[in-house]
Amino acid sequence: MSVTFLRIDDRMIHGQTCTRWAREYPCDGLVAVNDNAAGSDVLKAAYKAASGKKTFVWTVNDFNQKVQKVIESDTKYFLITKNPIDMCSILVDKGIDVGLKTIIVGPCNDRDGATKLGNNQSITQEEADAFEKMAQAGYTIKFALLPDVSIGTWDDFKSKFGY
């Protein structure tokens, strides 16, 4: 299996992702998927500099076209999206099976219209709908900023969003 970790993190690539989580899960490279980031040379350069690993920043469409190469690669990749909507698009809407059934949710900043679940973890109804869709497809969603700091799973919070 070449995808070793699924993460949703609104900062996408930063020190915690590249150091702390890489100790828990084997990782040679990172695939970050977000249309806005992939369209920004500045963000792509910053993410690549932050990782110190082989790093790709792709649009959702680019990932969908290249996923088979990622899955068949000998390189062990983290797959990271900036938001649950992109992750849901990849895993559920496109039906891409990377061989993992647990998604770790990191920072989701407080925003207008978002419901606070815990420290630095707030989601909108649209994001909640994506989480529920992934859960219904058999994914376990765990909210954890760090490997040893979890506030719970989607099942603990879904009632706040009508599920």
Protein backbone atom coordinates (compact mmCIF):
# COMPACT_ATOMS: atom_id res chain seq x y z
CA MET A 1 0.00 0.00 0.00
CA SER A 2 1.45 3.31 -0.95
CA VAL A 3 -0.99 5.65 0.81
CA THR A 4 -0.22 5.21 4.50
CA PHE A 5 -2.22 8.06 6.06
CA LEU A 6 -5.35 10.08 5.25
CA ARG A 7 -5.57 13.56 6.76
CA ILE A 8 -7.79 16.59 6.51
CA ASP A 9 -5.96 19.71 7.70
CA ASP A 10 -6.74 23.28 6.74
CA ARG A 11 -3.02 24.11 6.94
CA MET A 12 -2.30 21.04 4.76
CA ILE A 13 1.49 20.73 5.19
CA HIS A 14 3.31 21.97 8.30
CA GLY A 15 5.71 20.76 10.95
CA GLN A 16 3.28 18.52 12.86
CA THR A 17 2.31 16.71 9.68
CA CYS A 18 5.88 16.14 8.59
CA THR A 19 7.43 15.22 11.92
CA ARG A 20 4.97 14.02 14.54
CA TRP A 21 2.55 12.11 12.31
CA ALA A 22 5.38 10.67 10.20
CA ARG A 23 6.64 8.94 13.35
CA GLU A 24 3.30 7.15 13.65
CA TYR A 25 2.85 6.26 9.99
CA PRO A 26 5.57 5.48 7.42
CA CYS A 27 5.97 8.33 4.97
CA ASP A 28 8.36 9.08 2.11
CA GLY A 29 6.25 11.76 0.46
CA LEU A 30 3.14 13.91 0.64
CA VAL A 31 0.29 14.43 -1.79
CA ALA A 32 -1.68 17.56 -0.91
CA VAL A 33 -4.94 18.03 -2.80
CA ASN A 34 -6.61 21.42 -3.03
CA ASP A 35 -7.57 23.38 -6.12
CA ASN A 36 -6.62 26.81 -4.71
CA ALA A 37 -3.24 25.68 -3.37
CA ALA A 38 -2.41 23.87 -6.60
CA GLY A 39 -3.08 27.08 -8.51
CA SER A 40 -0.66 29.12 -6.39
CA ASP A 41 3.07 28.86 -7.10
CA VAL A 42 3.77 30.59 -3.76
CA LEU A 43 1.76 28.05 -1.75
CA LYS A 44 3.17 25.10 -3.66
CA ALA A 45 6.72 26.31 -2.99
CA ALA A 46 5.95 26.88 0.70
CA TYR A 47 4.42 23.42 1.14
CA LYS A 48 7.34 21.75 -0.60
CA ALA A 49 9.82 23.67 1.56
CA ALA A 50 7.94 22.78 4.77
CA SER A 51 7.87 19.06 4.13
CA GLY A 52 11.47 18.08 3.44
CA LYS A 53 9.96 15.10 1.59
CA LYS A 54 8.85 14.39 -1.95
CA THR A 55 5.78 16.65 -2.16
CA PHE A 56 3.06 17.10 -4.75
CA VAL A 57 0.33 19.76 -4.61
CA TRP A 58 -2.47 18.86 -7.01
CA THR A 59 -6.00 19.86 -7.87
CA VAL A 60 -8.71 17.30 -7.14
CA ASN A 61 -8.90 16.60 -10.88
CA ASP A 62 -5.11 16.13 -11.14
CA PHE A 63 -5.19 13.67 -8.25
CA ASN A 64 -8.03 11.72 -9.80
CA GLN A 65 -5.96 11.39 -12.99
CA LYS A 66 -2.75 10.40 -11.17
CA VAL A 67 -4.14 8.29 -8.32
CA GLN A 68 -3.31 4.94 -9.89
CA LYS A 69 0.38 5.90 -10.11
CA VAL A 70 0.28 6.97 -6.45
CA ILE A 71 -1.35 3.71 -5.37
CA GLU A 72 1.07 1.57 -7.39
CA SER A 73 4.16 3.52 -6.31
CA ASP A 74 6.79 2.09 -3.98
CA THR A 75 6.82 5.50 -2.26
CA LYS A 76 4.73 5.72 0.92
CA TYR A 77 2.54 8.82 0.74
CA PHE A 78 0.35 10.80 3.08
CA LEU A 79 -2.81 11.98 1.28
CA ILE A 80 -3.87 15.34 2.70
CA THR A 81 -6.77 17.57 1.75
CA LYS A 82 -7.49 21.04 3.07
CA ASN A 83 -11.13 20.22 3.76
CA PRO A 84 -13.51 17.27 4.09
CA ILE A 85 -15.35 18.18 0.90
CA ASP A 86 -12.24 17.45 -1.21
CA MET A 87 -11.55 14.21 0.70
CA CYS A 88 -15.16 13.10 0.21
CA SER A 89 -14.94 13.90 -3.48
CA ILE A 90 -11.89 11.67 -3.83
CA LEU A 91 -12.87 8.75 -1.60
CA VAL A 92 -16.64 8.60 -1.99
CA ASP A 93 -17.77 10.54 -5.06
CA LYS A 94 -14.97 9.15 -7.25
CA GLY A 95 -14.91 5.86 -5.34
CA ILE A 96 -11.12 5.82 -5.04
CA ASP A 97 -9.93 3.11 -2.66
CA VAL A 98 -6.48 3.82 -1.26
CA GLY A 99 -6.63 0.87 1.12
CA LEU A 100 -7.31 2.85 4.31
CA LYS A 101 -10.56 3.35 6.20
CA THR A 102 -9.51 5.87 8.87
CA ILE A 103 -9.32 9.60 8.21
CA ILE A 104 -7.57 11.83 10.75
CA VAL A 105 -8.90 15.38 10.97
CA GLY A 106 -6.47 18.04 12.13
CA PRO A 107 -6.86 21.80 12.38
CA CYS A 108 -10.11 23.28 11.05
CA ASN A 109 -10.03 26.93 11.99
CA ASP A 110 -12.93 28.80 13.54
CA ARG A 111 -14.92 30.61 10.84
CA ASP A 112 -18.28 32.29 10.46
CA GLY A 113 -20.95 29.64 10.23
CA ALA A 114 -18.76 26.91 11.73
CA THR A 115 -19.60 24.89 14.85
CA LYS A 116 -16.75 24.49 17.32
CA LEU A 117 -16.02 20.87 18.19
CA GLY A 118 -12.82 21.47 20.13
CA ASN A 119 -9.63 23.50 20.22
CA ASN A 120 -8.85 24.60 16.64
CA GLN A 121 -11.46 22.20 15.27
CA SER A 122 -14.62 23.78 13.85
CA ILE A 123 -16.71 22.63 10.91
CA THR A 124 -19.55 23.96 8.78
CA GLN A 125 -22.76 22.11 7.92
CA GLU A 126 -21.45 21.50 4.39
CA GLU A 127 -18.32 19.93 5.86
CA ALA A 128 -20.45 17.90 8.28
CA ASP A 129 -22.43 16.60 5.31
CA ALA A 130 -19.14 15.43 3.73
CA PHE A 131 -18.10 13.74 7.00
CA GLU A 132 -21.44 11.94 7.22
CA LYS A 133 -21.16 10.81 3.60
CA MET A 134 -17.69 9.39 4.28
CA ALA A 135 -18.92 7.70 7.47
CA GLN A 136 -21.81 6.15 5.57
CA ALA A 137 -19.26 4.83 3.04
CA GLY A 138 -17.47 2.99 5.87
CA TYR A 139 -14.77 5.47 6.90
CA THR A 140 -13.87 6.14 10.53
CA ILE A 141 -13.26 9.84 11.09
CA LYS A 142 -11.11 10.78 14.07
CA PHE A 143 -10.50 14.37 15.18
CA ALA A 144 -6.89 14.56 16.35
CA LEU A 145 -4.50 17.49 16.19
CA LEU A 146 -1.67 15.19 17.32
CA PRO A 147 -1.41 11.40 17.59
CA ASP A 148 -2.03 11.49 21.34
CA VAL A 149 -4.53 14.39 21.35
CA SER A 150 -7.95 13.34 20.07
CA ILE A 151 -11.30 14.91 20.90
CA GLY A 152 -13.26 11.97 19.48
CA THR A 153 -14.76 10.57 16.31
CA TRP A 154 -17.46 11.78 13.95
CA ASP A 155 -19.97 9.66 15.90
CA ASP A 156 -19.32 11.88 18.93
CA PHE A 157 -20.26 15.08 17.05
CA LYS A 158 -22.67 14.23 14.26
CA SER A 159 -25.77 14.92 16.34
CA LYS A 160 -24.76 18.62 16.37
CA PHE A 161 -25.39 18.60 12.62
CA GLY A 162 -28.66 16.69 12.49
CA TYR A 163 -27.27 13.17 12.05
